[in-house]
N, C-alpha and C. Protein backbone atom coordinates (compact mmCIF):
# COMPACT_ATOMS: atom_id res chain seq x y z
N MET A 1 -21.70 3.30 -19.82
CA MET A 1 -21.97 4.62 -19.24
C MET A 1 -21.64 5.72 -20.25
N ASP A 2 -22.35 6.85 -20.15
CA ASP A 2 -22.10 7.94 -21.08
C ASP A 2 -21.04 8.88 -20.51
N ARG A 3 -20.71 9.90 -21.31
CA ARG A 3 -19.65 10.84 -20.94
C ARG A 3 -19.96 11.55 -19.62
N THR A 4 -21.23 11.89 -19.39
CA THR A 4 -21.60 12.58 -18.15
C THR A 4 -21.34 11.70 -16.94
N SER A 5 -21.63 10.41 -17.06
CA SER A 5 -21.40 9.48 -15.95
C SER A 5 -19.92 9.40 -15.61
N TYR A 6 -19.08 9.32 -16.64
CA TYR A 6 -17.64 9.26 -16.40
C TYR A 6 -17.14 10.57 -15.77
N THR A 7 -17.67 11.68 -16.21
CA THR A 7 -17.29 12.97 -15.63
C THR A 7 -17.67 13.02 -14.16
N ASN A 8 -18.85 12.54 -13.84
CA ASN A 8 -19.30 12.53 -12.44
C ASN A 8 -18.43 11.61 -11.58
N LEU A 9 -18.02 10.48 -12.15
CA LEU A 9 -17.14 9.58 -11.40
C LEU A 9 -15.79 10.24 -11.11
N ALA A 10 -15.26 10.96 -12.09
CA ALA A 10 -14.00 11.68 -11.88
C ALA A 10 -14.15 12.74 -10.79
N LYS A 11 -15.28 13.44 -10.80
CA LYS A 11 -15.54 14.44 -9.77
C LYS A 11 -15.70 13.79 -8.40
N ALA A 12 -16.32 12.60 -8.37
CA ALA A 12 -16.49 11.89 -7.11
C ALA A 12 -15.14 11.49 -6.52
N TRP A 13 -14.23 10.99 -7.41
CA TRP A 13 -12.88 10.63 -6.95
C TRP A 13 -12.19 11.87 -6.37
N GLU A 14 -12.29 12.99 -7.07
CA GLU A 14 -11.65 14.23 -6.62
C GLU A 14 -12.24 14.70 -5.29
N PHE A 15 -13.56 14.58 -5.14
CA PHE A 15 -14.21 14.98 -3.89
C PHE A 15 -13.71 14.12 -2.73
N ALA A 16 -13.67 12.80 -2.94
CA ALA A 16 -13.22 11.89 -1.89
C ALA A 16 -11.77 12.18 -1.50
N GLU A 17 -10.94 12.49 -2.50
CA GLU A 17 -9.53 12.77 -2.23
C GLU A 17 -9.38 14.07 -1.44
N ASP A 18 -10.07 15.11 -1.87
CA ASP A 18 -10.01 16.39 -1.16
C ASP A 18 -10.52 16.24 0.28
N HIS A 19 -11.59 15.45 0.43
CA HIS A 19 -12.16 15.24 1.76
C HIS A 19 -11.16 14.53 2.67
N ALA A 20 -10.48 13.52 2.13
CA ALA A 20 -9.49 12.78 2.92
C ALA A 20 -8.34 13.70 3.34
N PHE A 21 -7.94 14.59 2.44
CA PHE A 21 -6.87 15.53 2.78
C PHE A 21 -7.27 16.43 3.94
N THR A 22 -8.53 16.89 3.95
CA THR A 22 -8.97 17.78 5.03
C THR A 22 -9.02 17.06 6.37
N LEU A 23 -9.18 15.75 6.35
CA LEU A 23 -9.27 14.97 7.60
C LEU A 23 -7.92 14.48 8.10
N GLN A 24 -6.87 14.67 7.31
CA GLN A 24 -5.54 14.23 7.74
C GLN A 24 -5.09 14.97 8.98
N PRO A 25 -4.60 14.26 10.00
CA PRO A 25 -3.99 14.95 11.14
C PRO A 25 -2.80 15.78 10.68
N GLU A 26 -2.49 16.80 11.42
CA GLU A 26 -1.39 17.69 11.04
C GLU A 26 -0.08 16.93 10.89
N ALA A 27 0.14 15.96 11.79
CA ALA A 27 1.39 15.19 11.74
C ALA A 27 1.49 14.40 10.43
N LEU A 28 0.37 13.88 9.96
CA LEU A 28 0.37 13.10 8.73
C LEU A 28 0.57 14.01 7.52
N ALA A 29 -0.06 15.18 7.54
CA ALA A 29 0.13 16.14 6.45
C ALA A 29 1.58 16.58 6.37
N SER A 30 2.20 16.78 7.54
CA SER A 30 3.61 17.17 7.58
C SER A 30 4.50 16.05 7.05
N ALA A 31 4.15 14.80 7.39
CA ALA A 31 4.93 13.66 6.91
C ALA A 31 4.86 13.56 5.39
N ARG A 32 3.69 13.85 4.83
CA ARG A 32 3.53 13.83 3.37
C ARG A 32 4.46 14.85 2.72
N VAL A 33 4.50 16.06 3.27
CA VAL A 33 5.35 17.11 2.73
C VAL A 33 6.82 16.70 2.81
N GLN A 34 7.25 16.17 3.96
CA GLN A 34 8.64 15.76 4.13
C GLN A 34 9.02 14.67 3.14
N ALA A 35 8.14 13.70 2.97
CA ALA A 35 8.43 12.60 2.06
C ALA A 35 8.54 13.09 0.62
N GLU A 36 7.64 13.95 0.22
CA GLU A 36 7.67 14.45 -1.15
C GLU A 36 8.88 15.35 -1.40
N GLU A 37 9.26 16.12 -0.39
CA GLU A 37 10.46 16.94 -0.51
C GLU A 37 11.72 16.08 -0.60
N ALA A 38 11.66 14.88 -0.02
CA ALA A 38 12.80 13.96 -0.07
C ALA A 38 12.82 13.15 -1.36
N GLY A 39 11.84 13.39 -2.24
CA GLY A 39 11.83 12.72 -3.53
C GLY A 39 10.97 11.47 -3.59
N PHE A 40 10.06 11.31 -2.61
CA PHE A 40 9.17 10.16 -2.60
C PHE A 40 7.72 10.63 -2.75
N PRO A 41 7.19 10.70 -3.96
CA PRO A 41 5.79 11.08 -4.15
C PRO A 41 4.88 10.14 -3.37
N GLN A 42 3.88 10.70 -2.70
CA GLN A 42 2.99 9.90 -1.86
C GLN A 42 1.68 9.58 -2.57
N SER A 43 1.07 8.50 -2.15
CA SER A 43 -0.14 8.01 -2.79
C SER A 43 -1.38 8.78 -2.33
N SER A 44 -2.51 8.38 -2.86
CA SER A 44 -3.81 8.95 -2.55
C SER A 44 -4.08 8.99 -1.05
N ALA A 45 -4.56 10.15 -0.58
CA ALA A 45 -4.92 10.29 0.83
C ALA A 45 -6.11 9.42 1.18
N ALA A 46 -7.09 9.33 0.27
CA ALA A 46 -8.27 8.50 0.52
C ALA A 46 -7.89 7.02 0.59
N GLN A 47 -6.97 6.61 -0.26
CA GLN A 47 -6.52 5.23 -0.23
C GLN A 47 -5.81 4.92 1.08
N ALA A 48 -4.93 5.83 1.52
CA ALA A 48 -4.22 5.62 2.77
C ALA A 48 -5.18 5.52 3.95
N ALA A 49 -6.22 6.36 3.94
CA ALA A 49 -7.22 6.30 4.99
C ALA A 49 -7.98 4.98 4.95
N TRP A 50 -8.27 4.49 3.74
CA TRP A 50 -8.96 3.22 3.59
C TRP A 50 -8.11 2.06 4.11
N LEU A 51 -6.80 2.13 3.92
CA LEU A 51 -5.91 1.08 4.43
C LEU A 51 -5.93 1.05 5.95
N ALA A 52 -5.99 2.23 6.57
CA ALA A 52 -6.11 2.27 8.04
C ALA A 52 -7.42 1.61 8.47
N MET A 53 -8.49 1.86 7.72
CA MET A 53 -9.77 1.23 8.02
C MET A 53 -9.70 -0.28 7.80
N LEU A 54 -8.95 -0.71 6.79
CA LEU A 54 -8.81 -2.14 6.51
C LEU A 54 -8.15 -2.86 7.68
N VAL A 55 -7.18 -2.20 8.32
CA VAL A 55 -6.56 -2.78 9.52
C VAL A 55 -7.64 -3.03 10.58
N LYS A 56 -8.50 -2.06 10.77
CA LYS A 56 -9.55 -2.18 11.79
C LYS A 56 -10.59 -3.22 11.39
N LEU A 57 -10.97 -3.24 10.13
CA LEU A 57 -11.99 -4.19 9.67
C LEU A 57 -11.52 -5.64 9.82
N THR A 58 -10.25 -5.87 9.60
CA THR A 58 -9.70 -7.22 9.70
C THR A 58 -9.28 -7.58 11.12
N GLY A 59 -9.25 -6.58 12.00
CA GLY A 59 -8.78 -6.83 13.36
C GLY A 59 -7.31 -7.17 13.40
N ALA A 60 -6.55 -6.68 12.43
CA ALA A 60 -5.14 -7.02 12.31
C ALA A 60 -4.33 -6.51 13.50
N THR A 61 -3.41 -7.33 13.94
CA THR A 61 -2.47 -6.92 14.99
C THR A 61 -1.02 -7.03 14.52
N SER A 62 -0.83 -7.71 13.38
CA SER A 62 0.52 -7.87 12.83
C SER A 62 0.45 -7.59 11.33
N VAL A 63 1.09 -6.50 10.91
CA VAL A 63 0.95 -5.99 9.54
C VAL A 63 2.32 -5.84 8.89
N ILE A 64 2.39 -6.14 7.61
CA ILE A 64 3.61 -5.90 6.82
C ILE A 64 3.29 -4.83 5.79
N SER A 65 4.15 -3.83 5.69
CA SER A 65 4.05 -2.81 4.65
C SER A 65 5.28 -2.93 3.75
N VAL A 66 5.06 -3.27 2.49
CA VAL A 66 6.14 -3.36 1.51
C VAL A 66 5.98 -2.19 0.56
N GLY A 67 6.96 -1.31 0.51
CA GLY A 67 6.82 -0.14 -0.34
C GLY A 67 8.13 0.52 -0.65
N THR A 68 8.06 1.56 -1.42
CA THR A 68 9.25 2.35 -1.76
C THR A 68 8.96 3.78 -1.38
N GLY A 69 9.35 4.14 -0.16
CA GLY A 69 9.09 5.49 0.32
C GLY A 69 7.63 5.77 0.59
N SER A 70 6.82 4.74 0.85
CA SER A 70 5.38 4.93 1.06
C SER A 70 5.11 5.31 2.52
N VAL A 71 5.55 6.50 2.88
CA VAL A 71 5.52 6.95 4.27
C VAL A 71 4.09 7.15 4.77
N VAL A 72 3.26 7.86 4.00
CA VAL A 72 1.90 8.17 4.45
C VAL A 72 1.09 6.89 4.63
N GLU A 73 1.17 5.97 3.67
CA GLU A 73 0.46 4.71 3.80
C GLU A 73 0.89 3.96 5.07
N THR A 74 2.19 3.91 5.30
CA THR A 74 2.70 3.17 6.45
C THR A 74 2.25 3.80 7.76
N LEU A 75 2.29 5.12 7.85
CA LEU A 75 1.84 5.79 9.07
C LEU A 75 0.34 5.61 9.27
N GLN A 76 -0.43 5.54 8.20
CA GLN A 76 -1.85 5.28 8.34
C GLN A 76 -2.10 3.86 8.83
N LEU A 77 -1.26 2.92 8.44
CA LEU A 77 -1.37 1.57 8.97
C LEU A 77 -1.11 1.56 10.48
N VAL A 78 -0.14 2.39 10.91
CA VAL A 78 0.11 2.54 12.34
C VAL A 78 -1.14 3.08 13.03
N ASN A 79 -1.76 4.08 12.43
CA ASN A 79 -2.99 4.63 12.99
C ASN A 79 -4.07 3.56 13.11
N GLY A 80 -4.16 2.71 12.08
CA GLY A 80 -5.16 1.65 12.10
C GLY A 80 -4.92 0.63 13.20
N LEU A 81 -3.65 0.42 13.54
CA LEU A 81 -3.33 -0.53 14.60
C LEU A 81 -3.73 -0.03 15.97
N GLY A 82 -4.02 1.27 16.07
CA GLY A 82 -4.60 1.82 17.29
C GLY A 82 -3.77 1.62 18.55
N ASN A 83 -2.51 2.05 18.49
CA ASN A 83 -1.68 2.03 19.70
C ASN A 83 -1.40 0.61 20.19
N ALA A 84 -1.29 -0.34 19.25
CA ALA A 84 -1.02 -1.73 19.63
C ALA A 84 -0.38 -2.44 18.44
N GLY A 85 -0.06 -3.71 18.63
CA GLY A 85 0.40 -4.54 17.53
C GLY A 85 1.79 -4.20 17.01
N GLN A 86 2.10 -4.80 15.87
CA GLN A 86 3.43 -4.61 15.26
C GLN A 86 3.29 -4.35 13.77
N LEU A 87 4.10 -3.42 13.29
CA LEU A 87 4.19 -3.13 11.87
C LEU A 87 5.60 -3.43 11.39
N THR A 88 5.71 -4.25 10.36
CA THR A 88 6.99 -4.54 9.73
C THR A 88 7.03 -3.80 8.40
N ALA A 89 7.91 -2.83 8.27
CA ALA A 89 8.04 -2.03 7.06
C ALA A 89 9.26 -2.50 6.28
N VAL A 90 9.06 -2.86 5.02
CA VAL A 90 10.14 -3.35 4.17
C VAL A 90 10.28 -2.40 2.98
N ASP A 91 11.46 -1.82 2.83
CA ASP A 91 11.67 -0.82 1.78
C ASP A 91 13.06 -1.02 1.21
N SER A 92 13.14 -1.13 -0.11
CA SER A 92 14.45 -1.31 -0.75
C SER A 92 15.25 -0.02 -0.78
N SER A 93 14.61 1.10 -0.42
CA SER A 93 15.29 2.39 -0.39
C SER A 93 15.77 2.71 1.02
N ALA A 94 17.07 2.88 1.19
CA ALA A 94 17.62 3.22 2.51
C ALA A 94 17.11 4.58 2.97
N GLN A 95 16.96 5.51 2.04
CA GLN A 95 16.48 6.85 2.40
C GLN A 95 15.02 6.79 2.86
N GLY A 96 14.22 5.95 2.20
CA GLY A 96 12.83 5.81 2.59
C GLY A 96 12.68 5.24 3.98
N ILE A 97 13.47 4.22 4.30
CA ILE A 97 13.42 3.61 5.64
C ILE A 97 13.90 4.59 6.69
N ALA A 98 14.96 5.35 6.38
CA ALA A 98 15.48 6.33 7.34
C ALA A 98 14.42 7.40 7.64
N LEU A 99 13.71 7.85 6.60
CA LEU A 99 12.66 8.84 6.79
C LEU A 99 11.53 8.28 7.64
N LEU A 100 11.14 7.04 7.36
CA LEU A 100 10.06 6.41 8.13
C LEU A 100 10.45 6.27 9.60
N ARG A 101 11.67 5.82 9.85
CA ARG A 101 12.12 5.68 11.23
C ARG A 101 12.10 7.02 11.96
N SER A 102 12.53 8.06 11.26
CA SER A 102 12.55 9.39 11.86
C SER A 102 11.14 9.87 12.21
N LEU A 103 10.21 9.69 11.28
CA LEU A 103 8.83 10.13 11.52
C LEU A 103 8.16 9.28 12.59
N PHE A 104 8.44 7.98 12.57
CA PHE A 104 7.85 7.11 13.59
C PHE A 104 8.41 7.45 14.98
N GLY A 105 9.67 7.86 15.01
CA GLY A 105 10.27 8.24 16.29
C GLY A 105 9.53 9.37 16.97
N LYS A 106 8.95 10.26 16.15
CA LYS A 106 8.18 11.37 16.72
C LYS A 106 6.87 10.90 17.33
N LEU A 107 6.43 9.68 16.93
CA LEU A 107 5.20 9.12 17.46
C LEU A 107 5.43 8.19 18.64
N SER A 108 6.69 7.85 18.89
CA SER A 108 7.00 6.79 19.83
C SER A 108 6.48 7.04 21.24
N ASP A 109 6.33 8.31 21.61
CA ASP A 109 5.82 8.60 22.94
C ASP A 109 4.30 8.60 22.99
N ARG A 110 3.67 8.38 21.79
CA ARG A 110 2.20 8.39 21.75
C ARG A 110 1.61 7.07 21.27
N THR A 111 2.46 6.10 20.97
CA THR A 111 1.95 4.81 20.50
C THR A 111 2.79 3.67 21.06
N ALA A 112 2.09 2.56 21.34
CA ALA A 112 2.78 1.36 21.78
C ALA A 112 2.98 0.38 20.62
N THR A 113 2.58 0.79 19.42
CA THR A 113 2.81 -0.05 18.25
C THR A 113 4.31 -0.21 18.02
N ARG A 114 4.73 -1.44 17.80
CA ARG A 114 6.16 -1.71 17.57
C ARG A 114 6.45 -1.63 16.08
N LEU A 115 7.54 -0.96 15.74
CA LEU A 115 7.95 -0.83 14.34
C LEU A 115 9.22 -1.63 14.11
N ARG A 116 9.19 -2.48 13.09
CA ARG A 116 10.40 -3.15 12.61
C ARG A 116 10.59 -2.66 11.18
N ALA A 117 11.60 -1.82 10.96
CA ALA A 117 11.84 -1.20 9.66
C ALA A 117 13.10 -1.80 9.04
N VAL A 118 12.95 -2.37 7.85
CA VAL A 118 14.04 -3.13 7.24
C VAL A 118 14.33 -2.58 5.84
N ASN A 119 15.59 -2.27 5.60
CA ASN A 119 16.03 -1.82 4.28
C ASN A 119 16.52 -3.03 3.49
N ALA A 120 15.62 -3.59 2.67
CA ALA A 120 15.96 -4.78 1.89
C ALA A 120 14.90 -5.00 0.82
N PRO A 121 15.25 -5.65 -0.27
CA PRO A 121 14.23 -6.01 -1.27
C PRO A 121 13.25 -7.01 -0.67
N ALA A 122 11.99 -6.91 -1.05
CA ALA A 122 10.97 -7.81 -0.51
C ALA A 122 11.31 -9.28 -0.77
N GLY A 123 11.82 -9.55 -1.96
CA GLY A 123 12.14 -10.92 -2.31
C GLY A 123 13.27 -11.52 -1.50
N VAL A 124 14.05 -10.67 -0.86
CA VAL A 124 15.16 -11.14 -0.03
C VAL A 124 14.71 -11.29 1.43
N PHE A 125 13.96 -10.31 1.93
CA PHE A 125 13.62 -10.30 3.36
C PHE A 125 12.41 -11.16 3.72
N LEU A 126 11.34 -11.11 2.94
CA LEU A 126 10.11 -11.80 3.32
C LEU A 126 10.28 -13.30 3.53
N PRO A 127 11.11 -14.00 2.74
CA PRO A 127 11.28 -15.44 2.98
C PRO A 127 11.88 -15.76 4.35
N ARG A 128 12.45 -14.76 5.01
CA ARG A 128 13.04 -14.99 6.33
C ARG A 128 12.03 -14.93 7.47
N LEU A 129 10.84 -14.41 7.19
CA LEU A 129 9.84 -14.22 8.24
C LEU A 129 9.11 -15.53 8.55
N ASN A 130 8.61 -15.63 9.79
CA ASN A 130 7.85 -16.80 10.20
C ASN A 130 6.55 -16.90 9.43
N GLY A 131 6.14 -18.09 9.11
CA GLY A 131 4.89 -18.30 8.39
C GLY A 131 3.68 -18.19 9.29
N ALA A 132 2.52 -17.91 8.68
CA ALA A 132 1.23 -17.84 9.37
C ALA A 132 1.29 -16.91 10.58
N ASP A 133 1.99 -15.79 10.43
CA ASP A 133 2.21 -14.88 11.56
C ASP A 133 1.64 -13.49 11.32
N TYR A 134 0.98 -13.26 10.16
CA TYR A 134 0.57 -11.90 9.80
C TYR A 134 -0.89 -11.88 9.34
N ASP A 135 -1.55 -10.77 9.66
CA ASP A 135 -2.96 -10.60 9.32
C ASP A 135 -3.17 -9.83 8.03
N LEU A 136 -2.25 -8.92 7.73
CA LEU A 136 -2.43 -8.01 6.60
C LEU A 136 -1.08 -7.65 6.00
N ILE A 137 -1.01 -7.65 4.68
CA ILE A 137 0.17 -7.20 3.96
C ILE A 137 -0.28 -6.15 2.95
N VAL A 138 0.41 -5.00 2.92
CA VAL A 138 0.10 -3.94 1.96
C VAL A 138 1.34 -3.71 1.09
N VAL A 139 1.14 -3.69 -0.22
CA VAL A 139 2.26 -3.59 -1.16
C VAL A 139 2.08 -2.37 -2.05
N SER A 140 3.17 -1.61 -2.23
CA SER A 140 3.16 -0.45 -3.11
C SER A 140 4.56 -0.23 -3.67
N GLY A 141 4.70 0.82 -4.49
CA GLY A 141 6.03 1.22 -4.95
C GLY A 141 6.52 0.49 -6.17
N ASP A 142 7.80 0.11 -6.15
CA ASP A 142 8.46 -0.47 -7.32
C ASP A 142 7.77 -1.76 -7.77
N VAL A 143 7.79 -1.99 -9.05
CA VAL A 143 7.13 -3.15 -9.63
C VAL A 143 7.65 -4.46 -9.05
N GLU A 144 8.93 -4.49 -8.67
CA GLU A 144 9.52 -5.72 -8.13
C GLU A 144 8.87 -6.16 -6.82
N ASN A 145 8.20 -5.23 -6.12
CA ASN A 145 7.61 -5.56 -4.82
C ASN A 145 6.40 -6.49 -4.94
N TYR A 146 5.70 -6.43 -6.07
CA TYR A 146 4.39 -7.06 -6.17
C TYR A 146 4.46 -8.59 -6.26
N ALA A 147 5.07 -9.10 -7.30
CA ALA A 147 5.10 -10.55 -7.49
C ALA A 147 5.87 -11.25 -6.38
N SER A 148 6.98 -10.63 -5.93
CA SER A 148 7.78 -11.28 -4.89
C SER A 148 7.03 -11.36 -3.56
N THR A 149 6.18 -10.35 -3.28
CA THR A 149 5.38 -10.39 -2.06
C THR A 149 4.24 -11.39 -2.20
N PHE A 150 3.57 -11.38 -3.34
CA PHE A 150 2.45 -12.31 -3.52
C PHE A 150 2.91 -13.76 -3.45
N GLU A 151 4.12 -14.01 -3.89
CA GLU A 151 4.67 -15.37 -3.82
C GLU A 151 4.75 -15.85 -2.37
N GLN A 152 5.06 -14.92 -1.47
CA GLN A 152 5.21 -15.26 -0.05
C GLN A 152 3.92 -15.17 0.75
N ALA A 153 2.91 -14.46 0.20
CA ALA A 153 1.68 -14.19 0.95
C ALA A 153 0.98 -15.43 1.48
N PRO A 154 0.82 -16.51 0.69
CA PRO A 154 0.13 -17.68 1.23
C PRO A 154 0.82 -18.25 2.47
N ARG A 155 2.12 -18.18 2.50
CA ARG A 155 2.88 -18.71 3.64
C ARG A 155 2.82 -17.77 4.83
N LEU A 156 2.90 -16.46 4.59
CA LEU A 156 3.00 -15.48 5.68
C LEU A 156 1.67 -15.21 6.37
N LEU A 157 0.57 -15.25 5.61
CA LEU A 157 -0.72 -14.84 6.16
C LEU A 157 -1.37 -15.95 6.98
N ARG A 158 -2.06 -15.52 8.03
CA ARG A 158 -2.91 -16.43 8.77
C ARG A 158 -4.16 -16.72 7.94
N GLY A 159 -4.98 -17.65 8.39
CA GLY A 159 -6.23 -17.94 7.70
C GLY A 159 -7.09 -16.70 7.59
N HIS A 160 -7.63 -16.45 6.41
CA HIS A 160 -8.44 -15.27 6.11
C HIS A 160 -7.64 -13.96 6.21
N GLY A 161 -6.32 -14.07 6.16
CA GLY A 161 -5.49 -12.88 6.09
C GLY A 161 -5.65 -12.19 4.75
N VAL A 162 -5.26 -10.92 4.69
CA VAL A 162 -5.50 -10.08 3.51
C VAL A 162 -4.18 -9.53 2.98
N VAL A 163 -4.06 -9.50 1.66
CA VAL A 163 -2.96 -8.80 1.02
C VAL A 163 -3.56 -7.78 0.06
N ALA A 164 -3.11 -6.54 0.15
CA ALA A 164 -3.64 -5.43 -0.65
C ALA A 164 -2.52 -4.82 -1.48
N PHE A 165 -2.78 -4.64 -2.76
CA PHE A 165 -1.79 -4.07 -3.68
C PHE A 165 -2.29 -2.72 -4.17
N THR A 166 -1.53 -1.67 -3.94
CA THR A 166 -1.90 -0.33 -4.38
C THR A 166 -1.33 -0.03 -5.76
N ASP A 167 -1.84 1.00 -6.40
CA ASP A 167 -1.37 1.47 -7.71
C ASP A 167 -1.28 0.36 -8.74
N VAL A 168 -2.26 -0.53 -8.76
CA VAL A 168 -2.23 -1.58 -9.78
C VAL A 168 -2.61 -1.05 -11.16
N PHE A 169 -3.09 0.21 -11.23
CA PHE A 169 -3.30 0.83 -12.54
C PHE A 169 -2.00 1.48 -13.06
N ALA A 170 -0.94 1.42 -12.26
CA ALA A 170 0.39 1.90 -12.67
C ALA A 170 0.38 3.36 -13.11
N LEU A 171 -0.31 4.19 -12.34
CA LEU A 171 -0.41 5.61 -12.66
C LEU A 171 0.62 6.46 -11.92
N GLU A 172 1.27 5.89 -10.90
CA GLU A 172 2.16 6.69 -10.07
C GLU A 172 3.62 6.63 -10.49
N THR A 173 3.93 5.79 -11.44
CA THR A 173 5.33 5.65 -11.84
C THR A 173 5.78 6.86 -12.65
N PRO A 174 7.06 7.24 -12.54
CA PRO A 174 7.57 8.35 -13.34
C PRO A 174 7.35 8.08 -14.84
N ASN A 175 6.95 9.11 -15.54
CA ASN A 175 6.73 9.03 -16.98
C ASN A 175 5.61 8.06 -17.39
N ALA A 176 4.69 7.79 -16.46
CA ALA A 176 3.54 6.95 -16.82
C ALA A 176 2.74 7.62 -17.93
N ASN A 177 2.27 6.82 -18.87
CA ASN A 177 1.50 7.33 -20.00
C ASN A 177 0.09 6.73 -19.97
N GLY A 178 -0.61 6.98 -18.86
CA GLY A 178 -1.94 6.41 -18.72
C GLY A 178 -1.96 5.07 -18.03
N GLY A 179 -0.76 4.50 -17.78
CA GLY A 179 -0.67 3.25 -17.06
C GLY A 179 -1.44 2.12 -17.71
N LEU A 180 -1.96 1.23 -16.89
CA LEU A 180 -2.69 0.07 -17.37
C LEU A 180 -3.91 0.46 -18.19
N LEU A 181 -4.45 1.66 -17.93
CA LEU A 181 -5.65 2.11 -18.62
C LEU A 181 -5.40 2.44 -20.09
N ASN A 182 -4.13 2.66 -20.45
CA ASN A 182 -3.78 3.01 -21.82
C ASN A 182 -2.99 1.86 -22.45
N PRO A 183 -3.57 1.13 -23.39
CA PRO A 183 -2.86 -0.01 -24.00
C PRO A 183 -1.53 0.39 -24.62
N ALA A 184 -1.36 1.67 -24.94
CA ALA A 184 -0.11 2.12 -25.54
C ALA A 184 1.00 2.32 -24.52
N ASP A 185 0.65 2.33 -23.22
CA ASP A 185 1.66 2.49 -22.18
C ASP A 185 2.37 1.15 -22.01
N ARG A 186 3.61 1.09 -22.45
CA ARG A 186 4.40 -0.14 -22.36
C ARG A 186 5.49 -0.01 -21.30
N GLY A 187 5.27 0.88 -20.31
CA GLY A 187 6.21 1.01 -19.22
C GLY A 187 6.28 -0.27 -18.41
N PRO A 188 7.39 -0.51 -17.69
CA PRO A 188 7.57 -1.77 -16.95
C PRO A 188 6.43 -2.09 -15.98
N LYS A 189 5.95 -1.08 -15.24
CA LYS A 189 4.91 -1.39 -14.26
C LYS A 189 3.56 -1.63 -14.93
N ALA A 190 3.24 -0.85 -15.94
CA ALA A 190 1.98 -1.04 -16.65
C ALA A 190 1.92 -2.45 -17.26
N VAL A 191 3.00 -2.85 -17.88
CA VAL A 191 3.06 -4.18 -18.49
C VAL A 191 2.92 -5.26 -17.42
N ALA A 192 3.66 -5.08 -16.31
CA ALA A 192 3.64 -6.09 -15.24
C ALA A 192 2.26 -6.19 -14.59
N MET A 193 1.60 -5.04 -14.38
CA MET A 193 0.31 -5.07 -13.70
C MET A 193 -0.77 -5.74 -14.54
N ARG A 194 -0.69 -5.66 -15.85
CA ARG A 194 -1.68 -6.33 -16.71
C ARG A 194 -1.64 -7.83 -16.46
N GLU A 195 -0.45 -8.37 -16.27
CA GLU A 195 -0.31 -9.79 -16.00
C GLU A 195 -0.56 -10.10 -14.53
N PHE A 196 -0.16 -9.18 -13.65
CA PHE A 196 -0.23 -9.45 -12.22
C PHE A 196 -1.67 -9.56 -11.73
N ILE A 197 -2.54 -8.69 -12.21
CA ILE A 197 -3.95 -8.75 -11.79
C ILE A 197 -4.54 -10.11 -12.13
N SER A 198 -4.25 -10.62 -13.31
CA SER A 198 -4.75 -11.94 -13.71
C SER A 198 -4.15 -13.04 -12.83
N LEU A 199 -2.88 -12.87 -12.48
CA LEU A 199 -2.20 -13.85 -11.63
C LEU A 199 -2.92 -13.97 -10.29
N VAL A 200 -3.22 -12.83 -9.67
CA VAL A 200 -3.87 -12.84 -8.36
C VAL A 200 -5.29 -13.38 -8.47
N GLU A 201 -6.03 -12.92 -9.48
CA GLU A 201 -7.43 -13.32 -9.61
C GLU A 201 -7.59 -14.82 -9.91
N SER A 202 -6.57 -15.42 -10.52
CA SER A 202 -6.67 -16.83 -10.89
C SER A 202 -6.12 -17.76 -9.81
N ASP A 203 -5.56 -17.19 -8.74
CA ASP A 203 -4.97 -18.01 -7.67
C ASP A 203 -6.08 -18.58 -6.79
N GLU A 204 -6.19 -19.89 -6.73
CA GLU A 204 -7.27 -20.53 -5.99
C GLU A 204 -7.10 -20.46 -4.48
N GLN A 205 -5.97 -19.96 -4.03
CA GLN A 205 -5.76 -19.81 -2.59
C GLN A 205 -6.40 -18.53 -2.05
N PHE A 206 -6.86 -17.64 -2.97
CA PHE A 206 -7.36 -16.33 -2.58
C PHE A 206 -8.68 -16.02 -3.27
N ASP A 207 -9.51 -15.21 -2.60
CA ASP A 207 -10.63 -14.51 -3.22
C ASP A 207 -10.19 -13.06 -3.37
N SER A 208 -10.43 -12.45 -4.53
CA SER A 208 -9.88 -11.11 -4.77
C SER A 208 -10.91 -10.17 -5.37
N SER A 209 -10.63 -8.87 -5.21
CA SER A 209 -11.50 -7.83 -5.78
C SER A 209 -10.65 -6.64 -6.18
N LEU A 210 -10.90 -6.14 -7.39
CA LEU A 210 -10.20 -4.96 -7.91
C LEU A 210 -11.12 -3.75 -7.77
N THR A 211 -10.62 -2.68 -7.15
CA THR A 211 -11.41 -1.47 -6.96
C THR A 211 -10.66 -0.25 -7.49
N PRO A 212 -11.38 0.84 -7.81
CA PRO A 212 -10.72 2.06 -8.32
C PRO A 212 -10.22 2.97 -7.21
N THR A 213 -10.15 2.48 -6.00
CA THR A 213 -9.65 3.29 -4.88
C THR A 213 -8.24 3.77 -5.18
N GLY A 214 -7.98 5.06 -4.93
CA GLY A 214 -6.64 5.60 -5.20
C GLY A 214 -6.31 5.48 -6.66
N THR A 215 -5.20 4.81 -6.97
CA THR A 215 -4.81 4.56 -8.35
C THR A 215 -4.90 3.07 -8.66
N GLY A 216 -5.95 2.46 -8.11
CA GLY A 216 -6.18 1.03 -8.33
C GLY A 216 -5.75 0.22 -7.13
N LEU A 217 -6.71 -0.41 -6.45
CA LEU A 217 -6.42 -1.20 -5.26
C LEU A 217 -6.95 -2.61 -5.48
N LEU A 218 -6.06 -3.59 -5.44
CA LEU A 218 -6.42 -4.98 -5.58
C LEU A 218 -6.28 -5.65 -4.23
N VAL A 219 -7.39 -6.19 -3.73
CA VAL A 219 -7.41 -6.80 -2.39
C VAL A 219 -7.70 -8.28 -2.53
N ALA A 220 -6.90 -9.13 -1.87
CA ALA A 220 -7.08 -10.58 -1.92
C ALA A 220 -7.13 -11.14 -0.50
N VAL A 221 -8.10 -12.01 -0.26
CA VAL A 221 -8.29 -12.64 1.05
C VAL A 221 -7.93 -14.10 0.96
N LYS A 222 -7.08 -14.55 1.86
CA LYS A 222 -6.67 -15.97 1.87
C LYS A 222 -7.85 -16.84 2.28
N ARG A 223 -8.10 -17.88 1.54
CA ARG A 223 -9.22 -18.78 1.84
C ARG A 223 -8.91 -19.68 3.05
């Protein structure tokens, strides 16, 4: 593609992001502000909206969200569950879990979705969960969340269950220098994601697809 094509793609991403922001409910926009003021930068609005759609497309009723202060994404997963089902939120940050519980509490009179919010590293908590009990797992945040969750995904997911990894381009980390897109970026997440994408794509238990949604979304479906 030529320079004009790349410029148009950048404009398309910006248009989709701005459009998603305008469609955010007031409660979700407020949650984004609160999370960012608490020191947790939030991900792409368009990506979060797509994750809510993914819940609906898969017919998921039992979802795991593994993240580090990923409040907007988690609340969009609740929206996708449509007043039903269960969301298990796993966050190694105590402050992130406390914020999520507080924001979810404001929704409790408007949703029957059950929230189980756990302050623990993914590699410690996920092995305790029952196998073949979940339809969808979404992973974001610290680099440690990715490999430890993928290790458990084949056991946790039901047949044709989905695991989605956000920010696989490693653009959201503090002091990112172009992330995975820049070979000179040797930050921990950029380095890890270069290997992690290959790990997921080569796993014969899953079919996977890498998309430019948000800051890189890798989706894998259990065979």
